[in-house]
Amino acid sequence: MTRVSVLPFLLLPITILVLLLSCYRNILIDATGGKWDLLRFNIGISAMHMQLLNNDKVIILDRTGFGPSNISLPNGRCRNDTITLKIDCTAHSVEYDLASNSVRPLMVLTNTWCSSGAAMPDGTLIQTGGSNDGDHNVRTFKPCIDNACDWQENNSVLAQRRWYATNHILPDGRQIIIGGRGQFNYEFYPKTHSADKLHDLPFLTQTNDRNTENNLYPFVFLNVDGNLFIFANNRAILFDYTKGVVVKTYPTMPGGDPRNYPSTGSAVLLPLKNLQVEAIEAEVLVCALSTCGRIQITDANPQWAMETMPLARVMGDMVLLPNGKVLIINGASMGTAGWELGRNPVLSPVIYKPDNLSGSRFEVQNSSSTPRMYHSTAILLRDGRVLVGGSNPHQYDSFMGVQFPTDLTLEAFSPAYLDPNIAWLRPNIISPASQSNIGYGQQLAVRFGIPPGRLNRNSVIVTMVAPSFTTHSFSMNQRLLVLSGGDIKAVGRLKYQIRVVTPGSRNLTPPGYYLLFVVHQDIPSEGIWVHMKANAQQPKLFVGMILILIFAEALALYGLIVGIILSSRAGQSRAD
């Protein structure tokens, strides 16, 4: 008998297996580091300020008073500039359309340099202060779909100049505007007879370092009890803005180093969870230099827990991702904010995982090739990407002969959860429809689809994210909530429904537009816009979708019955 060697038959499948394993390993490596894409090489201005609106368009502002930009105003429009140009026919603000990857020039009349802002409950962007002729002004931008909207400007509205100030939406829908250069006080907008007053904030005087400040753009977060957590320099308080009273003084952050402009760090309110319990916990994370400090601001005896970052960083941005993780991005490893003062750009973002054990929370991501120094920005988009732009550490736009040229590009960073190799795990929201009105403390049924056999019922959550006004490394009004609930049931082929409860208090979610995500195994769906409003009814479109599904099922059943009858008649005719 002739022996036949099996080795040649085994070599091919073994080789294929080795190659597949190698490819799979590379896929995992790629998936863990994220991906960078250049969206536009030139938007005409440098993105010093950014805000995503509820029509999926991003409003971007630079500054005026420093010469022309690289994009013209349409239809021969011009503005008077008393500082550098008698007539300026260029735009210093643009609207970026994500769907078409296009920009539309907008017209601001006064200087928005180092200003602040927030979106009102109806989605209108309110932008306050700035420099020189703009420091007392309020600008409004109401989103539209016909490209007819533009900035409307109101002069001398603010009680004091607001340059390097911080805005925050309050539970009643007003904005509080805190601090700014030489301003140790706060005020409210919109202006009413009772809200026209200026209120002292001694904490800002106490945290002001002579000649260097180190307390501009204070980090402000609405706590779950309705008071404001305010961090400036290296200190923090819990502040009752209605009475002008400090409720709690927190320990000074260890190390003694300042964390606010110009020693610019960043901060986030970590995701709020367990929203139905009586005592909801809230934590704040502040990162700069080589460390992050984390503190539970609702604790009876709060203490800072310090962690060392894998990459030292100043002027970095911190973005809350839909899955509850924090992206730390942009900045430099040496120097401070201000003209020409930063060195050694940090090109690699870092993911911070709040739920991991200390010592295993940081994960370095794939690097960009574009330095993002002073005056750079980053915001979350509805599809889960992070929009990145800006960088201009010069008094005037400088494109040649400098170490870090003024940057007019827009990039998108796609975290690992958007890797196409794991797209089969990504859910898609079926209902409610985008732009639905959502009330407080309501049961909300969220329907989503997912490929067959992929659902892990124990790893599905629903999150809500408030889009931020971002500038100078701080995302004002940014907050993420994990909705309570989790009862999941199948409602059709590859369709599921999870029932959650919306936040019950405006202290948790001030009224306005939020992005709602279904997250499965840390992979978020595309978001939908929901509008938090008092006394809102359950989304009508959700009920309508149920009726459509019932009608479709009935129609299919009717078609089946008709088919059987016709088939029976045809068979009878042949028999006859």
Protein backbone atom coordinates (compact mmCIF):
# COMPACT_ATOMS: atom_id res chain seq x y z
CA MET A 1 0.00 0.00 0.00
CA THR A 2 1.31 3.44 -0.94
CA ARG A 3 1.48 5.88 1.93
CA VAL A 4 0.09 9.33 1.24
CA SER A 5 1.55 12.14 3.31
CA VAL A 6 -1.05 14.43 4.88
CA LEU A 7 1.49 17.22 5.37
CA PRO A 8 0.83 18.94 2.00
CA PHE A 9 -2.89 18.88 2.71
CA LEU A 10 -2.39 20.46 6.14
CA LEU A 11 0.03 23.18 5.04
CA LEU A 12 -2.57 25.18 3.13
CA PRO A 13 -5.20 25.43 5.90
CA ILE A 14 -2.49 26.07 8.50
CA THR A 15 -1.06 28.87 6.36
CA ILE A 16 -4.52 30.37 5.88
CA LEU A 17 -5.20 30.13 9.61
CA VAL A 18 -1.92 31.88 10.45
CA LEU A 19 -2.69 34.65 7.98
CA LEU A 20 -6.20 35.07 9.35
CA LEU A 21 -4.95 35.23 12.92
CA SER A 22 -2.37 37.79 11.87
CA CYS A 23 -5.03 39.88 10.15
CA TYR A 24 -7.34 39.56 13.14
CA ARG A 25 -4.56 40.68 15.46
CA ASN A 26 -3.92 43.70 13.23
CA ILE A 27 -7.64 44.47 13.19
CA LEU A 28 -7.69 44.50 16.97
CA ILE A 29 -4.61 46.73 17.10
CA ASP A 30 -6.21 49.16 14.66
CA ALA A 31 -9.47 49.06 16.56
CA THR A 32 -7.85 49.98 19.85
CA GLY A 33 -6.21 53.15 18.58
CA GLY A 34 -8.88 55.02 16.66
CA LYS A 35 -8.61 56.64 13.25
CA TRP A 36 -7.96 60.15 11.91
CA ASP A 37 -9.54 61.68 8.79
CA LEU A 38 -8.91 65.09 7.24
CA LEU A 39 -12.33 66.59 6.50
CA ARG A 40 -11.38 69.98 5.07
CA PHE A 41 -7.99 71.48 4.34
CA ASN A 42 -9.23 75.05 4.65
CA ILE A 43 -12.44 76.34 6.24
CA GLY A 44 -11.27 79.95 5.96
CA ILE A 45 -10.87 80.58 9.70
CA SER A 46 -9.17 78.93 12.64
CA ALA A 47 -11.62 77.11 14.91
CA MET A 48 -11.21 78.93 18.24
CA HIS A 49 -14.81 78.25 19.34
CA MET A 50 -17.20 75.45 18.28
CA GLN A 51 -20.79 74.40 19.05
CA LEU A 52 -22.84 71.57 17.51
CA LEU A 53 -26.46 72.60 16.93
CA ASN A 54 -29.54 70.40 16.79
CA ASN A 55 -29.62 70.57 12.96
CA ASP A 56 -26.27 68.72 12.82
CA LYS A 57 -24.41 71.85 11.79
CA VAL A 58 -21.44 73.22 13.69
CA ILE A 59 -21.01 76.92 14.36
CA ILE A 60 -17.35 77.91 14.37
CA LEU A 61 -15.96 81.28 15.45
CA ASP A 62 -12.51 82.79 15.37
CA ARG A 63 -11.98 86.49 16.18
CA THR A 64 -12.08 89.87 14.49
CA GLY A 65 -9.70 92.77 14.90
CA PHE A 66 -6.63 90.94 13.62
CA GLY A 67 -6.98 91.40 9.88
CA PRO A 68 -8.86 89.55 7.12
CA SER A 69 -9.67 85.85 7.20
CA ASN A 70 -9.33 83.42 4.29
CA ILE A 71 -13.04 83.30 3.38
CA SER A 72 -15.10 86.16 1.96
CA LEU A 73 -18.54 87.25 3.05
CA PRO A 74 -21.19 86.65 0.35
CA ASN A 75 -22.91 89.24 -1.82
CA GLY A 76 -20.32 91.95 -1.22
CA ARG A 77 -21.13 92.25 2.47
CA CYS A 78 -18.55 94.04 4.64
CA ARG A 79 -18.17 95.26 8.20
CA ASN A 80 -16.38 98.23 9.71
CA ASP A 81 -13.31 97.33 11.76
CA THR A 82 -12.02 100.23 13.80
CA ILE A 83 -8.82 98.44 14.85
CA THR A 84 -7.04 96.88 11.87
CA LEU A 85 -9.20 97.35 8.76
CA LYS A 86 -11.50 100.20 7.90
CA ILE A 87 -13.54 97.79 5.83
CA ASP A 88 -13.44 94.02 6.36
CA CYS A 89 -15.26 91.92 3.75
CA THR A 90 -14.17 88.55 5.15
CA ALA A 91 -15.97 86.16 7.51
CA HIS A 92 -14.76 85.37 11.02
CA SER A 93 -17.43 82.76 11.68
CA VAL A 94 -18.64 79.85 9.56
CA GLU A 95 -21.33 77.19 9.65
CA TYR A 96 -19.96 73.71 8.94
CA ASP A 97 -22.45 71.28 7.38
CA LEU A 98 -21.51 67.72 8.33
CA ALA A 99 -23.70 66.10 5.69
CA SER A 100 -22.20 67.98 2.74
CA ASN A 101 -18.78 68.65 4.29
CA SER A 102 -19.18 72.30 3.32
CA VAL A 103 -18.82 75.66 5.05
CA ARG A 104 -20.99 78.75 4.84
CA PRO A 105 -19.55 82.14 5.86
CA LEU A 106 -21.36 83.99 8.64
CA MET A 107 -21.12 87.62 9.65
CA VAL A 108 -20.13 88.75 13.14
CA LEU A 109 -19.87 92.47 13.65
CA THR A 110 -17.66 92.71 16.73
CA ASN A 111 -14.70 90.88 18.23
CA THR A 112 -15.47 87.37 19.54
CA TRP A 113 -11.89 86.74 20.69
CA CYS A 114 -11.82 84.48 23.77
CA SER A 115 -15.58 84.64 24.29
CA SER A 116 -18.08 82.16 25.75
CA GLY A 117 -21.52 80.75 25.01
CA ALA A 118 -24.22 78.11 25.34
CA ALA A 119 -27.30 76.86 23.50
CA MET A 120 -30.64 77.96 24.96
CA PRO A 121 -33.52 75.49 25.57
CA ASP A 122 -34.99 76.22 22.11
CA GLY A 123 -31.65 75.46 20.41
CA THR A 124 -30.65 79.08 19.80
CA LEU A 125 -26.93 79.63 20.33
CA ILE A 126 -26.15 82.52 22.65
CA GLN A 127 -22.60 83.82 22.37
CA THR A 128 -21.39 86.38 24.87
CA GLY A 129 -18.57 88.86 25.24
CA GLY A 130 -15.18 88.87 23.63
CA SER A 131 -12.63 91.63 23.30
CA ASN A 132 -12.64 95.38 22.65
CA ASP A 133 -15.85 96.35 20.79
CA GLY A 134 -17.44 92.96 21.53
CA ASP A 135 -16.81 92.54 25.24
CA HIS A 136 -20.29 93.70 26.39
CA ASN A 137 -22.23 92.20 23.47
CA VAL A 138 -24.57 89.25 23.07
CA ARG A 139 -24.84 87.45 19.72
CA THR A 140 -27.62 85.01 18.84
CA PHE A 141 -27.76 82.36 16.14
CA LYS A 142 -31.02 80.49 15.56
CA PRO A 143 -30.56 77.25 13.52
CA CYS A 144 -32.29 77.06 10.16
CA ILE A 145 -32.51 74.66 7.21
CA ASP A 146 -32.59 77.18 4.35
CA ASN A 147 -29.14 78.75 4.90
CA ALA A 148 -30.81 82.10 5.56
CA CYS A 149 -29.85 82.38 9.24
CA ASP A 150 -26.95 84.49 10.45
CA TRP A 151 -25.67 86.14 13.59
CA GLN A 152 -27.84 88.79 15.23
CA GLU A 153 -25.93 91.12 17.49
CA ASN A 154 -27.08 93.15 20.49
CA ASN A 155 -24.69 95.79 21.78
CA SER A 156 -23.90 96.63 25.40
CA VAL A 157 -26.23 94.01 26.90
CA LEU A 158 -23.85 92.65 29.54
CA ALA A 159 -23.31 94.42 32.84
CA GLN A 160 -19.53 93.94 32.62
CA ARG A 161 -17.01 92.99 29.96
CA ARG A 162 -16.80 89.21 29.53
CA TRP A 163 -13.43 88.16 28.17
CA TYR A 164 -12.30 84.61 29.13
CA ALA A 165 -15.59 84.00 30.98
CA THR A 166 -17.58 80.76 31.40
CA ASN A 167 -21.29 80.23 30.66
CA HIS A 168 -23.58 77.51 31.97
CA ILE A 169 -27.25 76.68 31.39
CA LEU A 170 -29.30 76.69 34.60
CA PRO A 171 -32.30 74.52 35.52
CA ASP A 172 -34.70 77.37 34.67
CA GLY A 173 -33.21 77.76 31.18
CA ARG A 174 -31.25 80.95 31.87
CA GLN A 175 -27.52 81.24 31.44
CA ILE A 176 -25.12 82.27 34.16
CA ILE A 177 -21.97 84.06 32.97
CA ILE A 178 -19.09 83.81 35.41
CA GLY A 179 -15.81 85.71 35.62
CA GLY A 180 -13.54 86.87 32.85
CA ARG A 181 -10.43 89.00 32.85
CA GLY A 182 -10.62 91.43 35.77
CA GLN A 183 -14.18 90.35 36.58
CA PHE A 184 -14.71 88.71 39.96
CA ASN A 185 -18.47 88.49 39.59
CA TYR A 186 -21.32 86.86 37.67
CA GLU A 187 -24.53 87.83 35.89
CA PHE A 188 -27.47 86.19 34.14
CA TYR A 189 -28.90 86.13 30.62
CA PRO A 190 -31.56 86.79 29.33
CA LYS A 191 -31.80 90.14 31.01
CA THR A 192 -34.89 90.93 33.06
CA HIS A 193 -35.54 93.62 35.63
CA SER A 194 -34.60 91.21 38.41
CA ALA A 195 -31.64 89.75 36.52
CA ASP A 196 -29.92 92.98 35.50
CA LYS A 197 -27.85 93.04 38.66
CA LEU A 198 -24.18 92.18 38.95
CA HIS A 199 -23.27 89.70 41.69
CA ASP A 200 -19.89 89.54 43.43
CA LEU A 201 -18.01 86.24 43.57
CA PRO A 202 -15.12 86.64 46.07
CA PHE A 203 -13.86 83.15 45.20
CA LEU A 204 -12.53 84.54 41.91
CA THR A 205 -10.64 87.25 43.78
CA GLN A 206 -9.15 84.65 46.10
CA THR A 207 -7.97 82.44 43.21
CA ASN A 208 -6.48 85.26 41.14
CA ASP A 209 -2.67 85.03 41.00
CA ARG A 210 -1.17 88.49 40.63
CA ASN A 211 0.15 89.18 37.11
CA THR A 212 -0.67 85.63 35.90
CA GLU A 213 -4.36 85.18 36.88
CA ASN A 214 -4.63 81.37 36.51
CA ASN A 215 -8.39 81.50 37.10
CA LEU A 216 -9.79 82.51 33.71
CA TYR A 217 -12.36 80.29 32.01
CA PRO A 218 -13.25 78.70 35.38
CA PHE A 219 -14.54 75.13 35.18
CA VAL A 220 -18.25 75.24 36.04
CA PHE A 221 -20.67 72.30 36.39
CA LEU A 222 -24.28 72.12 37.52
CA ASN A 223 -24.36 69.73 40.47
CA VAL A 224 -27.23 67.29 41.03
CA ASP A 225 -28.54 69.47 43.89
CA GLY A 226 -28.87 72.54 41.65
CA ASN A 227 -25.80 74.32 43.01
CA LEU A 228 -22.73 75.08 40.89
CA PHE A 229 -19.35 73.40 41.26
CA ILE A 230 -16.77 76.06 40.37
CA PHE A 231 -13.07 75.24 39.97
CA ALA A 232 -10.49 78.00 39.51
CA ASN A 233 -6.70 77.88 39.80
CA ASN A 234 -6.33 74.80 42.04
CA ARG A 235 -9.34 75.29 44.30
CA ALA A 236 -13.06 74.59 44.13
CA ILE A 237 -16.33 75.52 45.80
CA LEU A 238 -19.97 74.46 45.67
CA PHE A 239 -21.89 77.68 45.11
CA ASP A 240 -25.54 78.60 45.60
CA TYR A 241 -25.86 81.23 42.88
CA THR A 242 -29.42 82.15 43.93
CA LYS A 243 -28.25 83.37 47.34
CA GLY A 244 -24.62 84.15 46.54
CA VAL A 245 -23.48 81.72 49.23
CA VAL A 246 -20.64 79.19 49.26
CA VAL A 247 -22.22 75.88 50.31
CA LYS A 248 -19.00 73.90 50.50
CA THR A 249 -15.28 74.55 50.11
CA TYR A 250 -13.36 71.61 48.68
CA PRO A 251 -9.78 70.69 49.55
CA THR A 252 -7.09 72.32 47.43
CA MET A 253 -5.94 70.00 44.67
CA PRO A 254 -2.66 68.32 45.72
CA GLY A 255 0.54 69.56 44.08
CA GLY A 256 -0.28 73.25 44.20
CA ASP A 257 -0.16 73.73 40.41
CA PRO A 258 -2.86 75.90 38.79
CA ARG A 259 -5.15 74.31 36.19
CA ASN A 260 -6.94 77.29 34.59
CA TYR A 261 -5.91 79.77 31.91
CA PRO A 262 -3.12 80.47 31.22
CA SER A 263 -1.97 77.28 32.97
CA THR A 264 -4.67 75.69 30.88
CA GLY A 265 -6.03 72.29 31.78
CA SER A 266 -9.46 70.84 31.16
CA ALA A 267 -12.25 69.26 33.17
CA VAL A 268 -15.41 67.16 32.84
CA LEU A 269 -18.32 66.17 35.00
CA LEU A 270 -18.09 62.38 34.81
CA PRO A 271 -21.20 60.47 33.62
CA LEU A 272 -24.16 60.69 35.99
CA LYS A 273 -25.66 57.27 36.79
CA ASN A 274 -28.32 55.68 39.02
CA LEU A 275 -30.56 58.65 38.44
CA GLN A 276 -33.54 57.18 40.32
CA VAL A 277 -31.83 56.88 43.71
CA GLU A 278 -32.33 59.53 46.36
CA ALA A 279 -28.64 60.47 46.68
CA ILE A 280 -27.17 60.71 43.17
CA GLU A 281 -23.39 60.81 43.10
CA ALA A 282 -21.41 63.27 40.99
CA GLU A 283 -17.68 63.26 40.22
CA VAL A 284 -15.45 65.79 38.50
CA LEU A 285 -12.19 65.06 36.68
CA VAL A 286 -9.62 67.84 36.19
CA CYS A 287 -6.54 67.13 34.03
CA ALA A 288 -3.43 69.21 33.31
CA LEU A 289 0.34 68.94 33.37
CA SER A 290 1.14 65.30 34.20
CA THR A 291 -1.81 64.48 36.46
CA CYS A 292 -5.57 64.23 36.70
CA GLY A 293 -7.45 64.94 39.90
CA ARG A 294 -10.76 63.22 40.56
CA ILE A 295 -13.21 64.19 43.29
CA GLN A 296 -16.71 63.08 44.29
CA ILE A 297 -18.32 66.48 44.76
CA THR A 298 -21.44 65.07 46.45
CA ASP A 299 -19.50 63.22 49.15
CA ALA A 300 -19.79 64.38 52.76
CA ASN A 301 -16.00 64.44 53.07
CA PRO A 302 -14.69 64.82 49.49
CA GLN A 303 -11.01 64.23 48.76
CA TRP A 304 -8.95 64.45 45.58
CA ALA A 305 -7.64 61.21 44.09
CA MET A 306 -4.64 61.93 41.87
CA GLU A 307 -3.68 59.88 38.80
CA THR A 308 -0.68 60.21 36.50
CA MET A 309 -1.42 60.63 32.80
CA PRO A 310 0.60 58.59 30.30
CA LEU A 311 1.34 61.82 28.39
CA ALA A 312 1.83 65.18 30.07
CA ARG A 313 -0.49 67.78 28.55
CA VAL A 314 -1.57 71.42 28.78
CA MET A 315 -4.19 73.05 26.53
CA GLY A 316 -5.86 69.67 26.04
CA ASP A 317 -9.58 69.17 25.44
CA MET A 318 -11.71 66.61 27.28
CA VAL A 319 -14.69 65.15 25.40
CA LEU A 320 -17.32 62.86 26.89
CA LEU A 321 -17.90 59.96 24.50
CA PRO A 322 -21.36 58.34 24.20
CA ASN A 323 -20.17 55.18 26.00
CA GLY A 324 -19.18 57.16 29.09
CA LYS A 325 -15.45 57.26 28.46
CA VAL A 326 -13.45 60.49 28.24
CA LEU A 327 -11.28 61.49 25.28
CA ILE A 328 -8.31 63.70 26.18
CA ILE A 329 -7.04 65.32 22.99
CA ASN A 330 -5.00 68.26 21.59
CA GLY A 331 -2.44 70.36 23.43
CA ALA A 332 1.27 70.44 24.22
CA SER A 333 3.54 68.91 26.83
CA MET A 334 5.45 72.10 27.63
CA GLY A 335 4.61 75.76 28.16
CA THR A 336 1.29 77.51 28.71
CA ALA A 337 -1.55 79.06 26.76
CA GLY A 338 -0.89 82.43 25.16
CA TRP A 339 1.09 83.78 22.24
CA GLU A 340 4.05 81.56 21.32
CA LEU A 341 4.26 79.94 24.77
CA GLY A 342 3.52 76.27 23.97
CA ARG A 343 6.06 73.64 22.90
CA ASN A 344 6.15 69.91 22.10
CA PRO A 345 2.69 69.16 20.69
CA VAL A 346 0.98 66.05 22.05
CA LEU A 347 -0.26 64.31 18.91
CA SER A 348 -1.73 61.20 20.56
CA PRO A 349 -5.13 61.35 22.25
CA VAL A 350 -5.79 59.33 25.38
CA ILE A 351 -8.97 57.51 26.41
CA TYR A 352 -9.83 57.69 30.11
CA LYS A 353 -12.05 54.87 31.40
CA PRO A 354 -13.75 56.08 34.60
CA ASP A 355 -15.11 52.65 35.60
CA ASN A 356 -11.76 50.87 35.46
CA LEU A 357 -9.63 50.37 38.53
CA SER A 358 -7.09 53.08 39.28
CA GLY A 359 -3.90 52.34 37.38
CA SER A 360 -5.72 50.93 34.34
CA ARG A 361 -7.85 53.86 33.24
CA PHE A 362 -5.69 55.48 30.53
CA GLU A 363 -5.24 54.15 26.99
CA VAL A 364 -3.10 55.98 24.42
CA GLN A 365 -4.65 56.28 20.94
CA ASN A 366 -3.25 56.63 17.42
CA SER A 367 -1.62 59.98 16.75
CA SER A 368 -2.55 62.78 14.40
CA SER A 369 0.03 64.49 12.23
CA THR A 370 -1.39 67.96 12.97
CA PRO A 371 -0.28 69.92 16.06
CA ARG A 372 -3.24 71.40 17.92
CA MET A 373 -1.80 74.06 20.18
CA TYR A 374 -3.32 77.20 21.72
CA HIS A 375 -6.80 78.05 20.37
CA SER A 376 -7.67 74.51 19.23
CA THR A 377 -11.00 72.78 19.88
CA ALA A 378 -12.73 69.38 19.88
CA ILE A 379 -16.44 68.47 20.12
CA LEU A 380 -18.55 65.30 19.91
CA LEU A 381 -20.62 64.74 16.77
CA ARG A 382 -23.94 62.89 16.46
CA ASP A 383 -22.33 59.94 14.64
CA GLY A 384 -19.87 59.38 17.50
CA ARG A 385 -16.84 60.97 15.85
CA VAL A 386 -14.98 63.87 17.43
CA LEU A 387 -14.54 67.02 15.35
CA VAL A 388 -11.12 68.62 15.84
CA GLY A 389 -9.95 72.00 14.57
CA GLY A 390 -8.09 75.20 15.28
CA SER A 391 -4.61 76.04 16.60
CA ASN A 392 -3.31 79.56 16.36
CA PRO A 393 -0.68 80.52 18.95
CA HIS A 394 0.07 83.83 17.18
CA GLN A 395 -1.19 87.36 17.60
CA TYR A 396 -1.93 87.45 13.87
CA ASP A 397 -2.60 84.62 11.44
CA SER A 398 0.81 83.22 10.51
CA PHE A 399 1.17 80.52 7.87
CA MET A 400 4.89 80.61 7.08
CA GLY A 401 8.14 81.03 8.98
CA VAL A 402 6.72 79.90 12.33
CA GLN A 403 7.04 76.64 14.22
CA PHE A 404 3.29 76.07 14.54
CA PRO A 405 1.43 77.76 11.66
CA THR A 406 -2.13 79.01 12.03
CA ASP A 407 -4.31 76.00 11.23
CA LEU A 408 -7.48 76.22 9.12
CA THR A 409 -8.17 72.48 8.81
CA LEU A 410 -10.91 70.29 10.25
CA GLU A 411 -10.22 66.68 11.21
CA ALA A 412 -12.37 63.91 12.61
CA PHE A 413 -11.11 61.43 15.17
CA SER A 414 -13.05 58.16 15.08
CA PRO A 415 -12.67 56.25 18.35
CA ALA A 416 -12.16 52.50 18.25
CA TYR A 417 -15.89 51.86 18.56
CA LEU A 418 -16.32 53.10 14.97
CA ASP A 419 -13.91 50.54 13.50
CA PRO A 420 -15.74 48.90 10.53
CA ASN A 421 -14.50 45.48 11.62
CA ILE A 422 -16.81 45.62 14.64
CA ALA A 423 -19.70 47.41 12.95
CA TRP A 424 -21.79 44.25 13.32
CA LEU A 425 -22.02 45.01 17.03
CA ARG A 426 -23.29 48.55 16.50
CA PRO A 427 -26.98 49.18 17.23
CA ASN A 428 -29.17 51.55 15.26
CA ILE A 429 -32.05 53.48 16.81
CA ILE A 430 -35.46 52.85 15.20
CA SER A 431 -37.58 54.99 17.50
CA PRO A 432 -38.26 57.51 18.89
CA ALA A 433 -37.68 59.74 15.91
CA SER A 434 -35.05 62.42 16.05
CA GLN A 435 -36.25 65.81 17.36
CA SER A 436 -38.83 64.13 19.64
CA ASN A 437 -39.93 66.01 22.75
CA ILE A 438 -39.04 64.22 25.98
CA GLY A 439 -40.46 65.01 29.40
CA TYR A 440 -38.97 64.66 32.87
CA GLY A 441 -39.33 61.42 34.82
CA GLN A 442 -41.11 59.63 31.98
CA GLN A 443 -40.96 56.04 30.83
CA LEU A 444 -39.29 56.03 27.42
CA ALA A 445 -39.34 53.05 25.09
CA VAL A 446 -36.33 53.04 22.76
CA ARG A 447 -36.37 50.61 19.84
CA PHE A 448 -33.15 49.59 18.16
CA GLY A 449 -31.90 47.07 15.65
CA ILE A 450 -28.89 44.81 15.83
CA PRO A 451 -27.65 41.94 13.59
CA PRO A 452 -28.83 38.38 14.41
CA GLY A 453 -27.18 36.59 17.29
CA ARG A 454 -25.17 39.64 18.32
CA LEU A 455 -27.21 41.04 21.21
CA ASN A 456 -25.69 40.90 24.67
CA ARG A 457 -28.61 41.96 26.86
CA ASN A 458 -26.35 42.71 29.81
CA SER A 459 -24.30 45.29 27.92
CA VAL A 460 -26.96 47.68 26.60
CA ILE A 461 -27.37 51.16 28.05
CA VAL A 462 -29.01 54.38 26.89
CA THR A 463 -27.11 57.65 27.32
CA MET A 464 -27.89 61.32 26.82
CA VAL A 465 -25.19 63.88 26.02
CA ALA A 466 -25.52 67.67 26.15
CA PRO A 467 -23.53 69.23 23.28
CA SER A 468 -21.00 71.79 24.44
CA PHE A 469 -19.74 75.24 23.57
CA THR A 470 -16.01 74.57 23.43
CA THR A 471 -13.12 76.99 23.53
CA HIS A 472 -9.77 77.28 25.31
CA SER A 473 -9.75 73.62 26.35
CA PHE A 474 -13.07 73.74 28.20
CA SER A 475 -16.41 72.37 26.99
CA MET A 476 -19.10 74.48 28.65
CA ASN A 477 -22.39 72.70 29.51
CA GLN A 478 -21.02 69.27 28.59
CA ARG A 479 -22.69 66.47 30.56
CA LEU A 480 -23.60 62.81 30.04
CA LEU A 481 -26.35 60.85 31.75
CA VAL A 482 -26.87 57.09 31.82
CA LEU A 483 -30.64 56.55 31.87
CA SER A 484 -32.03 54.16 34.45
CA GLY A 485 -33.94 51.07 33.33
CA GLY A 486 -32.83 48.27 31.07
CA ASP A 487 -35.78 45.91 30.50
CA ILE A 488 -35.07 44.57 26.99
CA LYS A 489 -37.48 42.55 24.87
CA ALA A 490 -37.65 41.44 21.25
CA VAL A 491 -40.28 43.30 19.21
CA GLY A 492 -39.63 41.82 15.79
CA ARG A 493 -36.95 40.23 13.68
CA LEU A 494 -33.64 41.79 14.76
CA LYS A 495 -35.55 44.53 16.59
CA TYR A 496 -35.48 45.12 20.33
CA GLN A 497 -36.94 47.55 22.81
CA ILE A 498 -35.38 48.87 26.00
CA ARG A 499 -37.45 50.80 28.52
CA VAL A 500 -35.70 53.56 30.43
CA VAL A 501 -36.72 56.46 32.64
CA THR A 502 -35.79 59.99 31.66
CA PRO A 503 -34.11 62.19 34.30
CA GLY A 504 -36.62 63.47 36.81
CA SER A 505 -35.09 66.84 37.57
CA ARG A 506 -33.89 69.91 35.72
CA ASN A 507 -30.90 69.86 38.04
CA LEU A 508 -29.83 66.73 36.16
CA THR A 509 -30.82 67.84 32.67
CA PRO A 510 -31.53 71.53 32.13
CA PRO A 511 -34.10 72.01 29.35
CA GLY A 512 -32.76 71.88 25.82
CA TYR A 513 -31.54 69.56 23.08
CA TYR A 514 -29.57 66.40 23.89
CA LEU A 515 -28.07 63.58 21.88
CA LEU A 516 -29.53 60.18 22.80
CA PHE A 517 -27.52 57.00 22.12
CA VAL A 518 -28.04 53.26 22.52
CA VAL A 519 -24.72 51.73 23.56
CA HIS A 520 -24.07 48.00 23.06
CA GLN A 521 -20.85 46.45 24.34
CA ASP A 522 -19.34 49.95 24.57
CA ILE A 523 -20.26 50.65 20.93
CA PRO A 524 -22.74 53.51 20.50
CA SER A 525 -25.39 53.87 17.84
CA GLU A 526 -25.63 57.08 15.90
CA GLY A 527 -27.30 59.57 18.15
CA ILE A 528 -30.72 61.12 17.72
CA TRP A 529 -31.76 64.55 18.92
CA VAL A 530 -34.25 64.71 21.77
CA HIS A 531 -35.68 67.88 23.25
CA MET A 532 -36.01 67.92 27.04
CA LYS A 533 -39.10 69.95 27.90
CA ALA A 534 -41.37 70.24 30.91
CA ASN A 535 -44.75 68.50 30.51
CA ALA A 536 -43.73 66.92 27.20
CA GLN A 537 -45.88 64.00 26.10
CA GLN A 538 -44.50 60.67 25.00
CA PRO A 539 -43.07 61.02 21.48
CA LYS A 540 -46.02 60.82 19.09
CA LEU A 541 -43.85 59.51 16.30
CA PHE A 542 -43.09 56.47 18.41
CA VAL A 543 -46.81 55.66 18.61
CA GLY A 544 -47.11 56.32 14.91
CA MET A 545 -44.30 53.90 14.19
CA ILE A 546 -46.07 51.19 16.17
CA LEU A 547 -49.22 51.76 14.09
CA ILE A 548 -47.17 51.59 10.90
CA LEU A 549 -45.62 48.28 11.99
CA ILE A 550 -49.06 46.87 12.89
CA PHE A 551 -50.43 48.02 9.54
CA ALA A 552 -47.46 46.48 7.71
CA GLU A 553 -47.95 43.15 9.50
CA ALA A 554 -51.70 43.22 8.72
CA LEU A 555 -50.98 44.04 5.09
CA ALA A 556 -48.52 41.16 4.85
CA LEU A 557 -51.07 38.79 6.41
CA TYR A 558 -53.74 40.05 4.00
CA GLY A 559 -51.40 39.43 1.08
CA LEU A 560 -50.70 35.91 2.31
CA ILE A 561 -54.43 35.12 2.60
CA VAL A 562 -55.17 36.55 -0.85
CA GLY A 563 -52.30 34.51 -2.27
CA ILE A 564 -53.66 31.31 -0.75
CA ILE A 565 -57.17 32.01 -2.09
CA LEU A 566 -55.90 32.77 -5.60
CA SER A 567 -53.68 29.71 -5.55
CA SER A 568 -56.63 27.56 -4.45
CA ARG A 569 -58.84 28.93 -7.22
CA ALA A 570 -56.14 28.37 -9.82
CA GLY A 571 -55.76 24.78 -8.68
CA GLN A 572 -59.52 24.26 -8.84
CA SER A 573 -59.66 25.66 -12.40
CA ARG A 574 -56.97 23.25 -13.53
CA ALA A 575 -58.88 20.41 -11.92
CA ASP A 576 -62.05 21.43 -13.79
